Amino acid sequence: MELNDILQQLNEIFKDILDLDTLVLTPETTARDVEEWDSLSHIQIIVAAEKHFKIRLTAQEIQALENVGDMCKLVQKKSAQ
């Protein structure tokens, strides 16, 4: 799966969880860039992404994520396994 495809799918998940229809994620987007992205919504986003992509992320992998681009790469890696 291409990183751009993953980014588009994650963007839809984020828009749904954060209730932001106009949200446009970039690989550089972080929680600091989106006011509605707090610790509770972060957990909801992770769970929704795991279900959507049919993957499991470890706590260590989640903590290592610095931005949306890192998440895309991790989803790509996990999906290929």
PDB file of N, CA and C in Angstrom:
ATOM      1  N   MET A   1       0.848  -1.177   0.000  1.00  0.00           N
ATOM      2  CA  MET A   1       0.000   0.000   0.000  1.00  0.00           C
ATOM      3  C   MET A   1       0.896   1.244   0.000  1.00  0.00           C
ATOM      4  N   GLU A   2       0.540   2.204  -0.839  1.00  0.00           N
ATOM      5  CA  GLU A   2       1.311   3.431  -0.962  1.00  0.00           C
ATOM      6  C   GLU A   2       1.078   4.356   0.233  1.00  0.00           C
ATOM      7  N   LEU A   3       2.108   5.110   0.601  1.00  0.00           N
ATOM      8  CA  LEU A   3       2.002   6.029   1.735  1.00  0.00           C
ATOM      9  C   LEU A   3       0.901   7.065   1.518  1.00  0.00           C
ATOM     10  N   ASN A   4       0.734   7.548   0.286  1.00  0.00           N
ATOM     11  CA  ASN A   4      -0.290   8.542   0.010  1.00  0.00           C
ATOM     12  C   ASN A   4      -1.692   7.971   0.226  1.00  0.00           C
ATOM     13  N   ASP A   5      -1.889   6.691  -0.149  1.00  0.00           N
ATOM     14  CA  ASP A   5      -3.179   6.023   0.084  1.00  0.00           C
ATOM     15  C   ASP A   5      -3.459   5.901   1.583  1.00  0.00           C
ATOM     16  N   ILE A   6      -2.430   5.546   2.336  1.00  0.00           N
ATOM     17  CA  ILE A   6      -2.571   5.421   3.791  1.00  0.00           C
ATOM     18  C   ILE A   6      -2.908   6.785   4.385  1.00  0.00           C
ATOM     19  N   LEU A   7      -2.217   7.830   3.935  1.00  0.00           N
ATOM     20  CA  LEU A   7      -2.472   9.183   4.431  1.00  0.00           C
ATOM     21  C   LEU A   7      -3.927   9.588   4.173  1.00  0.00           C
ATOM     22  N   GLN A   8      -4.435   9.303   2.982  1.00  0.00           N
ATOM     23  CA  GLN A   8      -5.819   9.646   2.659  1.00  0.00           C
ATOM     24  C   GLN A   8      -6.800   8.894   3.561  1.00  0.00           C
ATOM     25  N   GLN A   9      -6.537   7.622   3.794  1.00  0.00           N
ATOM     26  CA  GLN A   9      -7.412   6.827   4.664  1.00  0.00           C
ATOM     27  C   GLN A   9      -7.331   7.298   6.112  1.00  0.00           C
ATOM     28  N   LEU A  10      -6.119   7.609   6.579  1.00  0.00           N
ATOM     29  CA  LEU A  10      -5.968   8.146   7.936  1.00  0.00           C
ATOM     30  C   LEU A  10      -6.673   9.490   8.059  1.00  0.00           C
ATOM     31  N   ASN A  11      -6.627  10.298   7.014  1.00  0.00           N
ATOM     32  CA  ASN A  11      -7.286  11.602   7.045  1.00  0.00           C
ATOM     33  C   ASN A  11      -8.786  11.423   7.296  1.00  0.00           C
ATOM     34  N   GLU A  12      -9.388  10.426   6.659  1.00  0.00           N
ATOM     35  CA  GLU A  12     -10.815  10.158   6.866  1.00  0.00           C
ATOM     36  C   GLU A  12     -11.086   9.701   8.307  1.00  0.00           C
ATOM     37  N   ILE A  13     -10.207   8.879   8.853  1.00  0.00           N
ATOM     38  CA  ILE A  13     -10.346   8.424  10.245  1.00  0.00           C
ATOM     39  C   ILE A  13     -10.250   9.623  11.187  1.00  0.00           C
ATOM     40  N   PHE A  14      -9.253  10.473  10.985  1.00  0.00           N
ATOM     41  CA  PHE A  14      -9.075  11.659  11.827  1.00  0.00           C
ATOM     42  C   PHE A  14     -10.294  12.574  11.728  1.00  0.00           C
ATOM     43  N   LYS A  15     -10.783  12.807  10.508  1.00  0.00           N
ATOM     44  CA  LYS A  15     -11.945  13.679  10.317  1.00  0.00           C
ATOM     45  C   LYS A  15     -13.150  13.136  11.071  1.00  0.00           C
ATOM     46  N   ASP A  16     -13.328  11.834  11.039  1.00  0.00           N
ATOM     47  CA  ASP A  16     -14.456  11.202  11.728  1.00  0.00           C
ATOM     48  C   ASP A  16     -14.314  11.309  13.245  1.00  0.00           C
ATOM     49  N   ILE A  17     -13.164  10.938  13.772  1.00  0.00           N
ATOM     50  CA  ILE A  17     -12.938  10.942  15.220  1.00  0.00           C
ATOM     51  C   ILE A  17     -12.964  12.366  15.783  1.00  0.00           C
ATOM     52  N   LEU A  18     -12.312  13.288  15.090  1.00  0.00           N
ATOM     53  CA  LEU A  18     -12.184  14.657  15.591  1.00  0.00           C
ATOM     54  C   LEU A  18     -13.364  15.542  15.179  1.00  0.00           C
ATOM     55  N   ASP A  19     -14.237  15.005  14.344  1.00  0.00           N
ATOM     56  CA  ASP A  19     -15.407  15.743  13.854  1.00  0.00           C
ATOM     57  C   ASP A  19     -14.987  17.049  13.175  1.00  0.00           C
ATOM     58  N   LEU A  20     -13.999  16.922  12.287  1.00  0.00           N
ATOM     59  CA  LEU A  20     -13.473  18.071  11.540  1.00  0.00           C
ATOM     60  C   LEU A  20     -13.534  17.756  10.046  1.00  0.00           C
ATOM     61  N   ASP A  21     -14.619  18.139   9.407  1.00  0.00           N
ATOM     62  CA  ASP A  21     -14.812  17.822   7.993  1.00  0.00           C
ATOM     63  C   ASP A  21     -13.776  18.452   7.076  1.00  0.00           C
ATOM     64  N   THR A  22     -13.177  19.555   7.496  1.00  0.00           N
ATOM     65  CA  THR A  22     -12.229  20.269   6.638  1.00  0.00           C
ATOM     66  C   THR A  22     -10.768  19.920   6.934  1.00  0.00           C
ATOM     67  N   LEU A  23     -10.524  18.982   7.826  1.00  0.00           N
ATOM     68  CA  LEU A  23      -9.153  18.628   8.203  1.00  0.00           C
ATOM     69  C   LEU A  23      -8.397  18.043   7.014  1.00  0.00           C
ATOM     70  N   VAL A  24      -7.192  18.535   6.796  1.00  0.00           N
ATOM     71  CA  VAL A  24      -6.311  17.990   5.770  1.00  0.00           C
ATOM     72  C   VAL A  24      -4.971  17.698   6.440  1.00  0.00           C
ATOM     73  N   LEU A  25      -4.674  16.422   6.572  1.00  0.00           N
ATOM     74  CA  LEU A  25      -3.421  16.006   7.201  1.00  0.00           C
ATOM     75  C   LEU A  25      -2.284  16.029   6.194  1.00  0.00           C
ATOM     76  N   THR A  26      -1.099  16.321   6.687  1.00  0.00           N
ATOM     77  CA  THR A  26       0.126  16.175   5.908  1.00  0.00           C
ATOM     78  C   THR A  26       1.025  15.227   6.701  1.00  0.00           C
ATOM     79  N   PRO A  27       2.071  14.702   6.090  1.00  0.00           N
ATOM     80  CA  PRO A  27       2.980  13.838   6.852  1.00  0.00           C
ATOM     81  C   PRO A  27       3.598  14.550   8.058  1.00  0.00           C
ATOM     82  N   GLU A  28       3.682  15.877   8.014  1.00  0.00           N
ATOM     83  CA  GLU A  28       4.301  16.640   9.099  1.00  0.00           C
ATOM     84  C   GLU A  28       3.321  17.009  10.208  1.00  0.00           C
ATOM     85  N   THR A  29       2.025  16.748  10.042  1.00  0.00           N
ATOM     86  CA  THR A  29       1.019  17.123  11.034  1.00  0.00           C
ATOM     87  C   THR A  29       1.280  16.411  12.366  1.00  0.00           C
ATOM     88  N   THR A  30       1.200  17.184  13.466  1.00  0.00           N
ATOM     89  CA  THR A  30       1.323  16.620  14.811  1.00  0.00           C
ATOM     90  C   THR A  30       0.089  17.014  15.622  1.00  0.00           C
ATOM     91  N   ALA A  31      -0.030  16.452  16.806  1.00  0.00           N
ATOM     92  CA  ALA A  31      -1.157  16.777  17.687  1.00  0.00           C
ATOM     93  C   ALA A  31      -1.160  18.261  18.041  1.00  0.00           C
ATOM     94  N   ARG A  32      -0.004  18.879  18.079  1.00  0.00           N
ATOM     95  CA  ARG A  32       0.070  20.307  18.388  1.00  0.00           C
ATOM     96  C   ARG A  32      -0.572  21.169  17.303  1.00  0.00           C
ATOM     97  N   ASP A  33      -0.695  20.609  16.102  1.00  0.00           N
ATOM     98  CA  ASP A  33      -1.263  21.349  14.974  1.00  0.00           C
ATOM     99  C   ASP A  33      -2.785  21.314  14.928  1.00  0.00           C
ATOM    100  N   VAL A  34      -3.395  20.392  15.687  1.00  0.00           N
ATOM    101  CA  VAL A  34      -4.846  20.198  15.636  1.00  0.00           C
ATOM    102  C   VAL A  34      -5.402  20.303  17.047  1.00  0.00           C
ATOM    103  N   GLU A  35      -6.122  21.371  17.319  1.00  0.00           N
ATOM    104  CA  GLU A  35      -6.612  21.658  18.674  1.00  0.00           C
ATOM    105  C   GLU A  35      -7.441  20.512  19.256  1.00  0.00           C
ATOM    106  N   GLU A  36      -8.252  19.881  18.432  1.00  0.00           N
ATOM    107  CA  GLU A  36      -9.150  18.816  18.917  1.00  0.00           C
ATOM    108  C   GLU A  36      -8.430  17.489  19.177  1.00  0.00           C
ATOM    109  N   TRP A  37      -7.184  17.363  18.772  1.00  0.00           N
ATOM    110  CA  TRP A  37      -6.420  16.122  18.913  1.00  0.00           C
ATOM    111  C   TRP A  37      -5.791  16.089  20.303  1.00  0.00           C
ATOM    112  N   ASP A  38      -6.526  15.496  21.260  1.00  0.00           N
ATOM    113  CA  ASP A  38      -6.032  15.384  22.632  1.00  0.00           C
ATOM    114  C   ASP A  38      -5.724  13.914  22.936  1.00  0.00           C
ATOM    115  N   SER A  39      -5.403  13.627  24.184  1.00  0.00           N
ATOM    116  CA  SER A  39      -4.992  12.262  24.543  1.00  0.00           C
ATOM    117  C   SER A  39      -6.114  11.248  24.352  1.00  0.00           C
ATOM    118  N   LEU A  40      -7.353  11.623  24.652  1.00  0.00           N
ATOM    119  CA  LEU A  40      -8.471  10.700  24.469  1.00  0.00           C
ATOM    120  C   LEU A  40      -8.719  10.430  22.988  1.00  0.00           C
ATOM    121  N   SER A  41      -8.738  11.481  22.182  1.00  0.00           N
ATOM    122  CA  SER A  41      -8.957  11.272  20.751  1.00  0.00           C
ATOM    123  C   SER A  41      -7.788  10.520  20.131  1.00  0.00           C
ATOM    124  N   HIS A  42      -6.587  10.689  20.681  1.00  0.00           N
ATOM    125  CA  HIS A  42      -5.415   9.950  20.177  1.00  0.00           C
ATOM    126  C   HIS A  42      -5.651   8.445  20.309  1.00  0.00           C
ATOM    127  N   ILE A  43      -6.149   8.020  21.446  1.00  0.00           N
ATOM    128  CA  ILE A  43      -6.445   6.598  21.659  1.00  0.00           C
ATOM    129  C   ILE A  43      -7.517   6.140  20.675  1.00  0.00           C
ATOM    130  N   GLN A  44      -8.552   6.946  20.487  1.00  0.00           N
ATOM    131  CA  GLN A  44      -9.627   6.594  19.558  1.00  0.00           C
ATOM    132  C   GLN A  44      -9.100   6.486  18.124  1.00  0.00           C
ATOM    133  N   ILE A  45      -8.207   7.378  17.748  1.00  0.00           N
ATOM    134  CA  ILE A  45      -7.611   7.341  16.408  1.00  0.00           C
ATOM    135  C   ILE A  45      -6.795   6.066  16.224  1.00  0.00           C
ATOM    136  N   ILE A  46      -5.986   5.722  17.220  1.00  0.00           N
ATOM    137  CA  ILE A  46      -5.163   4.512  17.138  1.00  0.00           C
ATOM    138  C   ILE A  46      -6.045   3.273  16.998  1.00  0.00           C
ATOM    139  N   VAL A  47      -7.071   3.164  17.822  1.00  0.00           N
ATOM    140  CA  VAL A  47      -7.972   2.005  17.780  1.00  0.00           C
ATOM    141  C   VAL A  47      -8.675   1.934  16.423  1.00  0.00           C
ATOM    142  N   ALA A  48      -9.165   3.069  15.938  1.00  0.00           N
ATOM    143  CA  ALA A  48      -9.847   3.097  14.643  1.00  0.00           C
ATOM    144  C   ALA A  48      -8.897   2.715  13.508  1.00  0.00           C
ATOM    145  N   ALA A  49      -7.660   3.184  13.570  1.00  0.00           N
ATOM    146  CA  ALA A  49      -6.671   2.850  12.539  1.00  0.00           C
ATOM    147  C   ALA A  49      -6.334   1.363  12.581  1.00  0.00           C
ATOM    148  N   GLU A  50      -6.183   0.819  13.782  1.00  0.00           N
ATOM    149  CA  GLU A  50      -5.904  -0.617  13.905  1.00  0.00           C
ATOM    150  C   GLU A  50      -7.031  -1.441  13.286  1.00  0.00           C
ATOM    151  N   LYS A  51      -8.260  -1.074  13.564  1.00  0.00           N
ATOM    152  CA  LYS A  51      -9.402  -1.799  13.001  1.00  0.00           C
ATOM    153  C   LYS A  51      -9.458  -1.637  11.490  1.00  0.00           C
ATOM    154  N   HIS A  52      -9.303  -0.410  11.022  1.00  0.00           N
ATOM    155  CA  HIS A  52      -9.408  -0.124   9.590  1.00  0.00           C
ATOM    156  C   HIS A  52      -8.346  -0.877   8.786  1.00  0.00           C
ATOM    157  N   PHE A  53      -7.113  -0.828   9.251  1.00  0.00           N
ATOM    158  CA  PHE A  53      -6.008  -1.444   8.520  1.00  0.00           C
ATOM    159  C   PHE A  53      -5.749  -2.890   8.937  1.00  0.00           C
ATOM    160  N   LYS A  54      -6.520  -3.381   9.921  1.00  0.00           N
ATOM    161  CA  LYS A  54      -6.382  -4.759  10.426  1.00  0.00           C
ATOM    162  C   LYS A  54      -4.949  -5.046  10.878  1.00  0.00           C
ATOM    163  N   ILE A  55      -4.463  -4.158  11.757  1.00  0.00           N
ATOM    164  CA  ILE A  55      -3.110  -4.288  12.311  1.00  0.00           C
ATOM    165  C   ILE A  55      -3.185  -4.109  13.826  1.00  0.00           C
ATOM    166  N   ARG A  56      -2.093  -4.411  14.509  1.00  0.00           N
ATOM    167  CA  ARG A  56      -1.959  -4.172  15.952  1.00  0.00           C
ATOM    168  C   ARG A  56      -0.677  -3.386  16.173  1.00  0.00           C
ATOM    169  N   LEU A  57      -0.789  -2.328  16.957  1.00  0.00           N
ATOM    170  CA  LEU A  57       0.380  -1.508  17.294  1.00  0.00           C
ATOM    171  C   LEU A  57       0.721  -1.711  18.763  1.00  0.00           C
ATOM    172  N   THR A  58       2.000  -1.795  19.052  1.00  0.00           N
ATOM    173  CA  THR A  58       2.434  -1.935  20.440  1.00  0.00           C
ATOM    174  C   THR A  58       2.494  -0.551  21.081  1.00  0.00           C
ATOM    175  N   ALA A  59       2.498  -0.513  22.389  1.00  0.00           N
ATOM    176  CA  ALA A  59       2.615   0.755  23.112  1.00  0.00           C
ATOM    177  C   ALA A  59       3.917   1.467  22.737  1.00  0.00           C
ATOM    178  N   GLN A  60       4.972   0.710  22.575  1.00  0.00           N
ATOM    179  CA  GLN A  60       6.268   1.286  22.210  1.00  0.00           C
ATOM    180  C   GLN A  60       6.203   1.924  20.819  1.00  0.00           C
ATOM    181  N   GLU A  61       5.545   1.251  19.877  1.00  0.00           N
ATOM    182  CA  GLU A  61       5.408   1.809  18.525  1.00  0.00           C
ATOM    183  C   GLU A  61       4.587   3.102  18.552  1.00  0.00           C
ATOM    184  N   ILE A  62       3.518   3.099  19.339  1.00  0.00           N
ATOM    185  CA  ILE A  62       2.650   4.274  19.430  1.00  0.00           C
ATOM    186  C   ILE A  62       3.410   5.449  20.038  1.00  0.00           C
ATOM    187  N   GLN A  63       4.180   5.194  21.086  1.00  0.00           N
ATOM    188  CA  GLN A  63       4.947   6.259  21.743  1.00  0.00           C
ATOM    189  C   GLN A  63       6.021   6.842  20.828  1.00  0.00           C
ATOM    190  N   ALA A  64       6.518   6.050  19.896  1.00  0.00           N
ATOM    191  CA  ALA A  64       7.584   6.507  19.003  1.00  0.00           C
ATOM    192  C   ALA A  64       7.058   7.402  17.875  1.00  0.00           C
ATOM    193  N   LEU A  65       5.749   7.450  17.685  1.00  0.00           N
ATOM    194  CA  LEU A  65       5.176   8.256  16.611  1.00  0.00           C
ATOM    195  C   LEU A  65       5.339   9.743  16.916  1.00  0.00           C
ATOM    196  N   GLU A  66       5.935  10.475  15.980  1.00  0.00           N
ATOM    197  CA  GLU A  66       6.126  11.910  16.166  1.00  0.00           C
ATOM    198  C   GLU A  66       5.189  12.743  15.308  1.00  0.00           C
ATOM    199  N   ASN A  67       4.693  12.155  14.217  1.00  0.00           N
ATOM    200  CA  ASN A  67       3.788  12.885  13.334  1.00  0.00           C
ATOM    201  C   ASN A  67       2.976  11.895  12.499  1.00  0.00           C
ATOM    202  N   VAL A  68       2.105  12.425  11.665  1.00  0.00           N
ATOM    203  CA  VAL A  68       1.242  11.573  10.847  1.00  0.00           C
ATOM    204  C   VAL A  68       2.068  10.754   9.849  1.00  0.00           C
ATOM    205  N   GLY A  69       3.142  11.336   9.343  1.00  0.00           N
ATOM    206  CA  GLY A  69       4.011  10.601   8.422  1.00  0.00           C
ATOM    207  C   GLY A  69       4.580   9.336   9.047  1.00  0.00           C
ATOM    208  N   ASP A  70       4.992   9.435  10.323  1.00  0.00           N
ATOM    209  CA  ASP A  70       5.489   8.257  11.042  1.00  0.00           C
ATOM    210  C   ASP A  70       4.395   7.196  11.143  1.00  0.00           C
ATOM    211  N   MET A  71       3.173   7.646  11.376  1.00  0.00           N
ATOM    212  CA  MET A  71       2.055   6.721  11.484  1.00  0.00           C
ATOM    213  C   MET A  71       1.803   6.031  10.146  1.00  0.00           C
ATOM    214  N   CYS A  72       1.878   6.787   9.058  1.00  0.00           N
ATOM    215  CA  CYS A  72       1.702   6.200   7.725  1.00  0.00           C
ATOM    216  C   CYS A  72       2.753   5.113   7.465  1.00  0.00           C
ATOM    217  N   LYS A  73       3.994   5.413   7.788  1.00  0.00           N
ATOM    218  CA  LYS A  73       5.082   4.446   7.569  1.00  0.00           C
ATOM    219  C   LYS A  73       4.887   3.195   8.416  1.00  0.00           C
ATOM    220  N   LEU A  74       4.435   3.383   9.657  1.00  0.00           N
ATOM    221  CA  LEU A  74       4.212   2.248  10.539  1.00  0.00           C
ATOM    222  C   LEU A  74       3.057   1.393  10.025  1.00  0.00           C
ATOM    223  N   VAL A  75       1.991   2.021   9.580  1.00  0.00           N
ATOM    224  CA  VAL A  75       0.858   1.275   9.015  1.00  0.00           C
ATOM    225  C   VAL A  75       1.322   0.498   7.785  1.00  0.00           C
ATOM    226  N   GLN A  76       2.107   1.140   6.948  1.00  0.00           N
ATOM    227  CA  GLN A  76       2.621   0.469   5.741  1.00  0.00           C
ATOM    228  C   GLN A  76       3.460  -0.754   6.117  1.00  0.00           C
ATOM    229  N   LYS A  77       4.333  -0.598   7.087  1.00  0.00           N
ATOM    230  CA  LYS A  77       5.193  -1.699   7.548  1.00  0.00           C
ATOM    231  C   LYS A  77       4.362  -2.839   8.120  1.00  0.00           C
ATOM    232  N   LYS A  78       3.409  -2.499   8.989  1.00  0.00           N
ATOM    233  CA  LYS A  78       2.580  -3.514   9.649  1.00  0.00           C
ATOM    234  C   LYS A  78       1.670  -4.222   8.642  1.00  0.00           C
ATOM    235  N   SER A  79       1.182  -3.495   7.650  1.00  0.00           N
ATOM    236  CA  SER A  79       0.277  -4.069   6.651  1.00  0.00           C
ATOM    237  C   SER A  79       1.013  -5.072   5.769  1.00  0.00           C
ATOM    238  N   ALA A  80       2.307  -4.869   5.583  1.00  0.00           N
ATOM    239  CA  ALA A  80       3.105  -5.739   4.724  1.00  0.00           C
ATOM    240  C   ALA A  80       3.490  -7.052   5.407  1.00  0.00           C
ATOM    241  N   GLN A  81       3.319  -7.119   6.725  1.00  0.00           N
ATOM    242  CA  GLN A  81       3.739  -8.315   7.480  1.00  0.00           C
ATOM    243  C   GLN A  81       2.726  -9.424   7.358  1.00  0.00           C
TER     244      GLN A  81
END
